[in-house]
PDB file of N, CA and C in Angstrom:
ATOM      1  N   MET A   1       0.822  -1.191   0.000  1.00  0.00           N
ATOM      2  CA  MET A   1       0.000   0.000   0.000  1.00  0.00           C
ATOM      3  C   MET A   1       0.867   1.257   0.000  1.00  0.00           C
ATOM      4  N   ALA A   2       2.132   1.108   0.380  1.00  0.00           N
ATOM      5  CA  ALA A   2       3.026   2.270   0.404  1.00  0.00           C
ATOM      6  C   ALA A   2       3.094   2.912  -0.978  1.00  0.00           C
ATOM      7  N   GLN A   3       3.114   4.217  -0.999  1.00  0.00           N
ATOM      8  CA  GLN A   3       3.219   4.997  -2.229  1.00  0.00           C
ATOM      9  C   GLN A   3       1.952   4.935  -3.085  1.00  0.00           C
ATOM     10  N   LYS A   4       0.858   4.422  -2.538  1.00  0.00           N
ATOM     11  CA  LYS A   4      -0.406   4.364  -3.274  1.00  0.00           C
ATOM     12  C   LYS A   4      -1.378   5.347  -2.629  1.00  0.00           C
ATOM     13  N   HIS A   5      -2.189   5.979  -3.465  1.00  0.00           N
ATOM     14  CA  HIS A   5      -3.191   6.902  -2.953  1.00  0.00           C
ATOM     15  C   HIS A   5      -4.314   7.034  -3.967  1.00  0.00           C
ATOM     16  N   VAL A   6      -5.422   7.603  -3.522  1.00  0.00           N
ATOM     17  CA  VAL A   6      -6.513   7.975  -4.416  1.00  0.00           C
ATOM     18  C   VAL A   6      -6.620   9.489  -4.365  1.00  0.00           C
ATOM     19  N   ASP A   7      -7.360  10.065  -5.301  1.00  0.00           N
ATOM     20  CA  ASP A   7      -7.436  11.528  -5.374  1.00  0.00           C
ATOM     21  C   ASP A   7      -8.319  12.133  -4.280  1.00  0.00           C
ATOM     22  N   PHE A   8      -9.456  11.493  -4.015  1.00  0.00           N
ATOM     23  CA  PHE A   8     -10.367  11.985  -2.979  1.00  0.00           C
ATOM     24  C   PHE A   8     -11.021  10.806  -2.272  1.00  0.00           C
ATOM     25  N   VAL A   9     -11.403  11.036  -1.033  1.00  0.00           N
ATOM     26  CA  VAL A   9     -12.187  10.057  -0.279  1.00  0.00           C
ATOM     27  C   VAL A   9     -13.391  10.801   0.291  1.00  0.00           C
ATOM     28  N   LEU A  10     -14.584  10.341  -0.059  1.00  0.00           N
ATOM     29  CA  LEU A  10     -15.801  10.908   0.514  1.00  0.00           C
ATOM     30  C   LEU A  10     -16.130  10.087   1.748  1.00  0.00           C
ATOM     31  N   CYS A  11     -16.323  10.779   2.877  1.00  0.00           N
ATOM     32  CA  CYS A  11     -16.529  10.110   4.157  1.00  0.00           C
ATOM     33  C   CYS A  11     -17.877  10.456   4.769  1.00  0.00           C
ATOM     34  N   GLU A  12     -18.351   9.571   5.633  1.00  0.00           N
ATOM     35  CA  GLU A  12     -19.543   9.828   6.422  1.00  0.00           C
ATOM     36  C   GLU A  12     -19.162  10.936   7.402  1.00  0.00           C
ATOM     37  N   PRO A  13     -19.911  12.035   7.464  1.00  0.00           N
ATOM     38  CA  PRO A  13     -19.484  13.219   8.216  1.00  0.00           C
ATOM     39  C   PRO A  13     -19.244  13.016   9.715  1.00  0.00           C
ATOM     40  N   THR A  14     -20.056  12.204  10.380  1.00  0.00           N
ATOM     41  CA  THR A  14     -19.899  12.102  11.833  1.00  0.00           C
ATOM     42  C   THR A  14     -18.844  11.091  12.262  1.00  0.00           C
ATOM     43  N   THR A  15     -18.636  10.043  11.443  1.00  0.00           N
ATOM     44  CA  THR A  15     -17.673   9.002  11.831  1.00  0.00           C
ATOM     45  C   THR A  15     -16.390   9.026  11.009  1.00  0.00           C
ATOM     46  N   LEU A  16     -16.433   9.747   9.890  1.00  0.00           N
ATOM     47  CA  LEU A  16     -15.332   9.779   8.920  1.00  0.00           C
ATOM     48  C   LEU A  16     -15.059   8.413   8.294  1.00  0.00           C
ATOM     49  N   ARG A  17     -16.067   7.554   8.315  1.00  0.00           N
ATOM     50  CA  ARG A  17     -15.948   6.253   7.649  1.00  0.00           C
ATOM     51  C   ARG A  17     -15.913   6.480   6.137  1.00  0.00           C
ATOM     52  N   PRO A  18     -14.929   5.926   5.434  1.00  0.00           N
ATOM     53  CA  PRO A  18     -14.859   6.105   3.983  1.00  0.00           C
ATOM     54  C   PRO A  18     -16.081   5.508   3.289  1.00  0.00           C
ATOM     55  N   LEU A  19     -16.687   6.286   2.383  1.00  0.00           N
ATOM     56  CA  LEU A  19     -17.865   5.833   1.639  1.00  0.00           C
ATOM     57  C   LEU A  19     -17.563   5.600   0.171  1.00  0.00           C
ATOM     58  N   VAL A  20     -16.783   6.489  -0.424  1.00  0.00           N
ATOM     59  CA  VAL A  20     -16.468   6.415  -1.852  1.00  0.00           C
ATOM     60  C   VAL A  20     -15.045   6.905  -2.072  1.00  0.00           C
ATOM     61  N   LEU A  21     -14.296   6.172  -2.882  1.00  0.00           N
ATOM     62  CA  LEU A  21     -12.985   6.629  -3.326  1.00  0.00           C
ATOM     63  C   LEU A  21     -13.167   7.267  -4.695  1.00  0.00           C
ATOM     64  N   VAL A  22     -12.470   8.357  -4.948  1.00  0.00           N
ATOM     65  CA  VAL A  22     -12.560   9.042  -6.236  1.00  0.00           C
ATOM     66  C   VAL A  22     -11.186   9.027  -6.882  1.00  0.00           C
ATOM     67  N   GLU A  23     -11.132   8.476  -8.088  1.00  0.00           N
ATOM     68  CA  GLU A  23      -9.909   8.420  -8.868  1.00  0.00           C
ATOM     69  C   GLU A  23     -10.087   9.282 -10.115  1.00  0.00           C
ATOM     70  N   LEU A  24      -9.206  10.240 -10.302  1.00  0.00           N
ATOM     71  CA  LEU A  24      -9.204  11.054 -11.515  1.00  0.00           C
ATOM     72  C   LEU A  24      -8.153  10.477 -12.451  1.00  0.00           C
ATOM     73  N   ASP A  25      -8.585  10.048 -13.625  1.00  0.00           N
ATOM     74  CA  ASP A  25      -7.684   9.421 -14.585  1.00  0.00           C
ATOM     75  C   ASP A  25      -7.191  10.442 -15.598  1.00  0.00           C
ATOM     76  N   ASP A  26      -5.893  10.686 -15.565  1.00  0.00           N
ATOM     77  CA  ASP A  26      -5.285  11.539 -16.582  1.00  0.00           C
ATOM     78  C   ASP A  26      -4.783  10.630 -17.705  1.00  0.00           C
ATOM     79  N   PRO A  27      -4.183  11.182 -18.753  1.00  0.00           N
ATOM     80  CA  PRO A  27      -3.752  10.340 -19.877  1.00  0.00           C
ATOM     81  C   PRO A  27      -2.777   9.208 -19.502  1.00  0.00           C
ATOM     82  N   THR A  28      -2.090   9.301 -18.360  1.00  0.00           N
ATOM     83  CA  THR A  28      -1.138   8.247 -17.991  1.00  0.00           C
ATOM     84  C   THR A  28      -1.823   6.970 -17.528  1.00  0.00           C
ATOM     85  N   TYR A  29      -3.155   7.004 -17.297  1.00  0.00           N
ATOM     86  CA  TYR A  29      -3.819   5.800 -16.797  1.00  0.00           C
ATOM     87  C   TYR A  29      -3.768   4.662 -17.808  1.00  0.00           C
ATOM     88  N   ARG A  30      -3.437   4.943 -19.051  1.00  0.00           N
ATOM     89  CA  ARG A  30      -3.349   3.909 -20.084  1.00  0.00           C
ATOM     90  C   ARG A  30      -2.018   3.158 -20.063  1.00  0.00           C
ATOM     91  N   PHE A  31      -1.009   3.684 -19.382  1.00  0.00           N
ATOM     92  CA  PHE A  31       0.306   3.043 -19.355  1.00  0.00           C
ATOM     93  C   PHE A  31       0.275   1.805 -18.470  1.00  0.00           C
ATOM     94  N   LEU A  32       1.099   0.810 -18.802  1.00  0.00           N
ATOM     95  CA  LEU A  32       1.112  -0.458 -18.082  1.00  0.00           C
ATOM     96  C   LEU A  32       1.361  -0.277 -16.590  1.00  0.00           C
ATOM     97  N   HIS A  33       2.380   0.537 -16.219  1.00  0.00           N
ATOM     98  CA  HIS A  33       2.673   0.691 -14.787  1.00  0.00           C
ATOM     99  C   HIS A  33       1.483   1.297 -14.043  1.00  0.00           C
ATOM    100  N   ARG A  34       0.767   2.173 -14.715  1.00  0.00           N
ATOM    101  CA  ARG A  34      -0.389   2.815 -14.081  1.00  0.00           C
ATOM    102  C   ARG A  34      -1.566   1.857 -13.998  1.00  0.00           C
ATOM    103  N   SER A  35      -1.773   1.052 -15.035  1.00  0.00           N
ATOM    104  CA  SER A  35      -2.901   0.122 -14.987  1.00  0.00           C
ATOM    105  C   SER A  35      -2.668  -0.962 -13.935  1.00  0.00           C
ATOM    106  N   THR A  36      -1.415  -1.358 -13.723  1.00  0.00           N
ATOM    107  CA  THR A  36      -1.081  -2.322 -12.674  1.00  0.00           C
ATOM    108  C   THR A  36      -1.401  -1.726 -11.313  1.00  0.00           C
ATOM    109  N   ARG A  37      -1.027  -0.480 -11.109  1.00  0.00           N
ATOM    110  CA  ARG A  37      -1.298   0.225  -9.851  1.00  0.00           C
ATOM    111  C   ARG A  37      -2.796   0.388  -9.639  1.00  0.00           C
ATOM    112  N   ASP A  38      -3.521   0.765 -10.708  1.00  0.00           N
ATOM    113  CA  ASP A  38      -4.967   0.957 -10.603  1.00  0.00           C
ATOM    114  C   ASP A  38      -5.665  -0.353 -10.251  1.00  0.00           C
ATOM    115  N   LYS A  39      -5.214  -1.463 -10.842  1.00  0.00           N
ATOM    116  CA  LYS A  39      -5.798  -2.760 -10.535  1.00  0.00           C
ATOM    117  C   LYS A  39      -5.582  -3.096  -9.062  1.00  0.00           C
ATOM    118  N   PHE A  40      -4.404  -2.812  -8.529  1.00  0.00           N
ATOM    119  CA  PHE A  40      -4.113  -3.057  -7.124  1.00  0.00           C
ATOM    120  C   PHE A  40      -5.048  -2.249  -6.229  1.00  0.00           C
ATOM    121  N   VAL A  41      -5.200  -0.959  -6.526  1.00  0.00           N
ATOM    122  CA  VAL A  41      -6.077  -0.086  -5.726  1.00  0.00           C
ATOM    123  C   VAL A  41      -7.531  -0.546  -5.839  1.00  0.00           C
ATOM    124  N   ASP A  42      -7.974  -0.933  -7.041  1.00  0.00           N
ATOM    125  CA  ASP A  42      -9.335  -1.432  -7.227  1.00  0.00           C
ATOM    126  C   ASP A  42      -9.584  -2.678  -6.374  1.00  0.00           C
ATOM    127  N   GLU A  43      -8.632  -3.605  -6.376  1.00  0.00           N
ATOM    128  CA  GLU A  43      -8.786  -4.832  -5.591  1.00  0.00           C
ATOM    129  C   GLU A  43      -8.792  -4.540  -4.095  1.00  0.00           C
ATOM    130  N   LEU A  44      -7.972  -3.598  -3.671  1.00  0.00           N
ATOM    131  CA  LEU A  44      -7.943  -3.213  -2.263  1.00  0.00           C
ATOM    132  C   LEU A  44      -9.282  -2.606  -1.845  1.00  0.00           C
ATOM    133  N   ALA A  45      -9.813  -1.711  -2.675  1.00  0.00           N
ATOM    134  CA  ALA A  45     -11.110  -1.085  -2.377  1.00  0.00           C
ATOM    135  C   ALA A  45     -12.219  -2.133  -2.373  1.00  0.00           C
ATOM    136  N   TRP A  46     -12.178  -3.054  -3.335  1.00  0.00           N
ATOM    137  CA  TRP A  46     -13.186  -4.102  -3.402  1.00  0.00           C
ATOM    138  C   TRP A  46     -13.152  -4.938  -2.131  1.00  0.00           C
ATOM    139  N   SER A  47     -11.956  -5.288  -1.652  1.00  0.00           N
ATOM    140  CA  SER A  47     -11.857  -6.104  -0.443  1.00  0.00           C
ATOM    141  C   SER A  47     -12.332  -5.338   0.792  1.00  0.00           C
ATOM    142  N   ALA A  48     -12.252  -4.008   0.763  1.00  0.00           N
ATOM    143  CA  ALA A  48     -12.732  -3.183   1.878  1.00  0.00           C
ATOM    144  C   ALA A  48     -14.191  -2.771   1.699  1.00  0.00           C
ATOM    145  N   VAL A  49     -14.809  -3.193   0.602  1.00  0.00           N
ATOM    146  CA  VAL A  49     -16.203  -2.885   0.262  1.00  0.00           C
ATOM    147  C   VAL A  49     -16.421  -1.368   0.205  1.00  0.00           C
ATOM    148  N   ILE A  50     -15.519  -0.687  -0.501  1.00  0.00           N
ATOM    149  CA  ILE A  50     -15.642   0.757  -0.725  1.00  0.00           C
ATOM    150  C   ILE A  50     -15.675   0.970  -2.239  1.00  0.00           C
ATOM    151  N   PRO A  51     -16.762   1.530  -2.770  1.00  0.00           N
ATOM    152  CA  PRO A  51     -16.831   1.741  -4.214  1.00  0.00           C
ATOM    153  C   PRO A  51     -15.859   2.826  -4.678  1.00  0.00           C
ATOM    154  N   ILE A  52     -15.474   2.714  -5.950  1.00  0.00           N
ATOM    155  CA  ILE A  52     -14.576   3.702  -6.563  1.00  0.00           C
ATOM    156  C   ILE A  52     -15.316   4.398  -7.696  1.00  0.00           C
ATOM    157  N   LEU A  53     -15.269   5.709  -7.679  1.00  0.00           N
ATOM    158  CA  LEU A  53     -15.786   6.524  -8.769  1.00  0.00           C
ATOM    159  C   LEU A  53     -14.588   6.959  -9.596  1.00  0.00           C
ATOM    160  N   GLN A  54     -14.555   6.544 -10.850  1.00  0.00           N
ATOM    161  CA  GLN A  54     -13.446   6.925 -11.725  1.00  0.00           C
ATOM    162  C   GLN A  54     -13.945   7.933 -12.745  1.00  0.00           C
ATOM    163  N   ALA A  55     -13.146   8.986 -12.937  1.00  0.00           N
ATOM    164  CA  ALA A  55     -13.520  10.039 -13.880  1.00  0.00           C
ATOM    165  C   ALA A  55     -12.272  10.515 -14.601  1.00  0.00           C
ATOM    166  N   LEU A  56     -12.438  10.869 -15.847  1.00  0.00           N
ATOM    167  CA  LEU A  56     -11.326  11.456 -16.592  1.00  0.00           C
ATOM    168  C   LEU A  56     -11.079  12.869 -16.072  1.00  0.00           C
ATOM    169  N   THR A  57      -9.826  13.265 -16.037  1.00  0.00           N
ATOM    170  CA  THR A  57      -9.515  14.622 -15.599  1.00  0.00           C
ATOM    171  C   THR A  57     -10.123  15.623 -16.581  1.00  0.00           C
ATOM    172  N   ALA A  58     -10.527  16.758 -16.034  1.00  0.00           N
ATOM    173  CA  ALA A  58     -11.144  17.809 -16.846  1.00  0.00           C
ATOM    174  C   ALA A  58     -10.862  19.152 -16.195  1.00  0.00           C
ATOM    175  N   GLN A  59     -11.037  20.221 -16.955  1.00  0.00           N
ATOM    176  CA  GLN A  59     -10.854  21.561 -16.397  1.00  0.00           C
ATOM    177  C   GLN A  59     -11.979  21.930 -15.447  1.00  0.00           C
ATOM    178  N   ALA A  60     -13.163  21.349 -15.675  1.00  0.00           N
ATOM    179  CA  ALA A  60     -14.318  21.625 -14.814  1.00  0.00           C
ATOM    180  C   ALA A  60     -15.198  20.381 -14.774  1.00  0.00           C
ATOM    181  N   TYR A  61     -15.964  20.261 -13.704  1.00  0.00           N
ATOM    182  CA  TYR A  61     -16.854  19.123 -13.530  1.00  0.00           C
ATOM    183  C   TYR A  61     -18.255  19.633 -13.223  1.00  0.00           C
ATOM    184  N   ASN A  62     -19.242  18.886 -13.678  1.00  0.00           N
ATOM    185  CA  ASN A  62     -20.636  19.222 -13.406  1.00  0.00           C
ATOM    186  C   ASN A  62     -21.014  18.568 -12.073  1.00  0.00           C
ATOM    187  N   PRO A  63     -21.294  19.360 -11.029  1.00  0.00           N
ATOM    188  CA  PRO A  63     -21.614  18.776  -9.725  1.00  0.00           C
ATOM    189  C   PRO A  63     -22.805  17.816  -9.751  1.00  0.00           C
ATOM    190  N   LEU A  64     -23.824  18.122 -10.562  1.00  0.00           N
ATOM    191  CA  LEU A  64     -24.989  17.242 -10.637  1.00  0.00           C
ATOM    192  C   LEU A  64     -24.608  15.896 -11.252  1.00  0.00           C
ATOM    193  N   ASP A  65     -23.750  15.919 -12.251  1.00  0.00           N
ATOM    194  CA  ASP A  65     -23.286  14.681 -12.872  1.00  0.00           C
ATOM    195  C   ASP A  65     -22.530  13.832 -11.851  1.00  0.00           C
ATOM    196  N   ILE A  66     -21.668  14.451 -11.074  1.00  0.00           N
ATOM    197  CA  ILE A  66     -20.911  13.725 -10.052  1.00  0.00           C
ATOM    198  C   ILE A  66     -21.864  13.147  -9.011  1.00  0.00           C
ATOM    199  N   ARG A  67     -22.817  13.946  -8.601  1.00  0.00           N
ATOM    200  CA  ARG A  67     -23.801  13.484  -7.611  1.00  0.00           C
ATOM    201  C   ARG A  67     -24.572  12.279  -8.133  1.00  0.00           C
ATOM    202  N   GLN A  68     -24.974  12.318  -9.393  1.00  0.00           N
ATOM    203  CA  GLN A  68     -25.716  11.201  -9.985  1.00  0.00           C
ATOM    204  C   GLN A  68     -24.842   9.950 -10.089  1.00  0.00           C
ATOM    205  N   ARG A  69     -23.587  10.131 -10.425  1.00  0.00           N
ATOM    206  CA  ARG A  69     -22.681   8.973 -10.525  1.00  0.00           C
ATOM    207  C   ARG A  69     -22.465   8.336  -9.157  1.00  0.00           C
ATOM    208  N   ILE A  70     -22.377   9.157  -8.113  1.00  0.00           N
ATOM    209  CA  ILE A  70     -22.230   8.618  -6.757  1.00  0.00           C
ATOM    210  C   ILE A  70     -23.514   7.903  -6.348  1.00  0.00           C
ATOM    211  N   ALA A  71     -24.660   8.498  -6.637  1.00  0.00           N
ATOM    212  CA  ALA A  71     -25.945   7.869  -6.315  1.00  0.00           C
ATOM    213  C   ALA A  71     -26.060   6.508  -6.999  1.00  0.00           C
ATOM    214  N   LYS A  72     -25.596   6.415  -8.217  1.00  0.00           N
ATOM    215  CA  LYS A  72     -25.646   5.149  -8.955  1.00  0.00           C
ATOM    216  C   LYS A  72     -24.804   4.076  -8.260  1.00  0.00           C
ATOM    217  N   LEU A  73     -23.683   4.454  -7.679  1.00  0.00           N
ATOM    218  CA  LEU A  73     -22.848   3.491  -6.948  1.00  0.00           C
ATOM    219  C   LEU A  73     -23.598   2.856  -5.792  1.00  0.00           C
ATOM    220  N   PHE A  74     -24.527   3.621  -5.200  1.00  0.00           N
ATOM    221  CA  PHE A  74     -25.295   3.144  -4.053  1.00  0.00           C
ATOM    222  C   PHE A  74     -26.716   2.728  -4.432  1.00  0.00           C
ATOM    223  N   HIS A  75     -26.973   2.643  -5.744  1.00  0.00           N
ATOM    224  CA  HIS A  75     -28.288   2.230  -6.252  1.00  0.00           C
ATOM    225  C   HIS A  75     -29.397   3.151  -5.753  1.00  0.00           C
ATOM    226  N   ILE A  76     -29.111   4.444  -5.685  1.00  0.00           N
ATOM    227  CA  ILE A  76     -30.086   5.454  -5.287  1.00  0.00           C
ATOM    228  C   ILE A  76     -30.727   5.982  -6.571  1.00  0.00           C
ATOM    229  N   PRO A  77     -32.050   6.154  -6.596  1.00  0.00           N
ATOM    230  CA  PRO A  77     -32.695   6.685  -7.806  1.00  0.00           C
ATOM    231  C   PRO A  77     -32.033   7.983  -8.275  1.00  0.00           C
ATOM    232  N   GLN A  78     -32.049   8.203  -9.579  1.00  0.00           N
ATOM    233  CA  GLN A  78     -31.404   9.361 -10.180  1.00  0.00           C
ATOM    234  C   GLN A  78     -31.966  10.677  -9.632  1.00  0.00           C
ATOM    235  N   VAL A  79     -31.082  11.624  -9.443  1.00  0.00           N
ATOM    236  CA  VAL A  79     -31.448  12.977  -9.016  1.00  0.00           C
ATOM    237  C   VAL A  79     -31.988  13.711 -10.244  1.00  0.00           C
ATOM    238  N   ARG A  80     -33.076  14.402 -10.061  1.00  0.00           N
ATOM    239  CA  ARG A  80     -33.650  15.142 -11.196  1.00  0.00           C
ATOM    240  C   ARG A  80     -32.878  16.441 -11.426  1.00  0.00           C
ATOM    241  N   ARG A  81     -32.785  16.823 -12.683  1.00  0.00           N
ATOM    242  CA  ARG A  81     -32.090  18.056 -13.059  1.00  0.00           C
ATOM    243  C   ARG A  81     -32.974  19.251 -12.856  1.00  0.00           C
TER     244      ARG A  81
END
């Protein structure tokens, strides 16, 4: 696990229990060394029963889109626009 990290962790506010890991994929995610690392992190999260939200890096993000993607991870009905 040394030298491994994710970009963001969304936590339950009162307990700080991790709920969702957020990985931002830049163009290097296609390289072999990066895909090996990503597979390791995915397996670690899976074993801890923490979902991962993966998104391509961008200059800006739509908050509603992110919210809907997180809701989908937890099988929550879609948020209306």
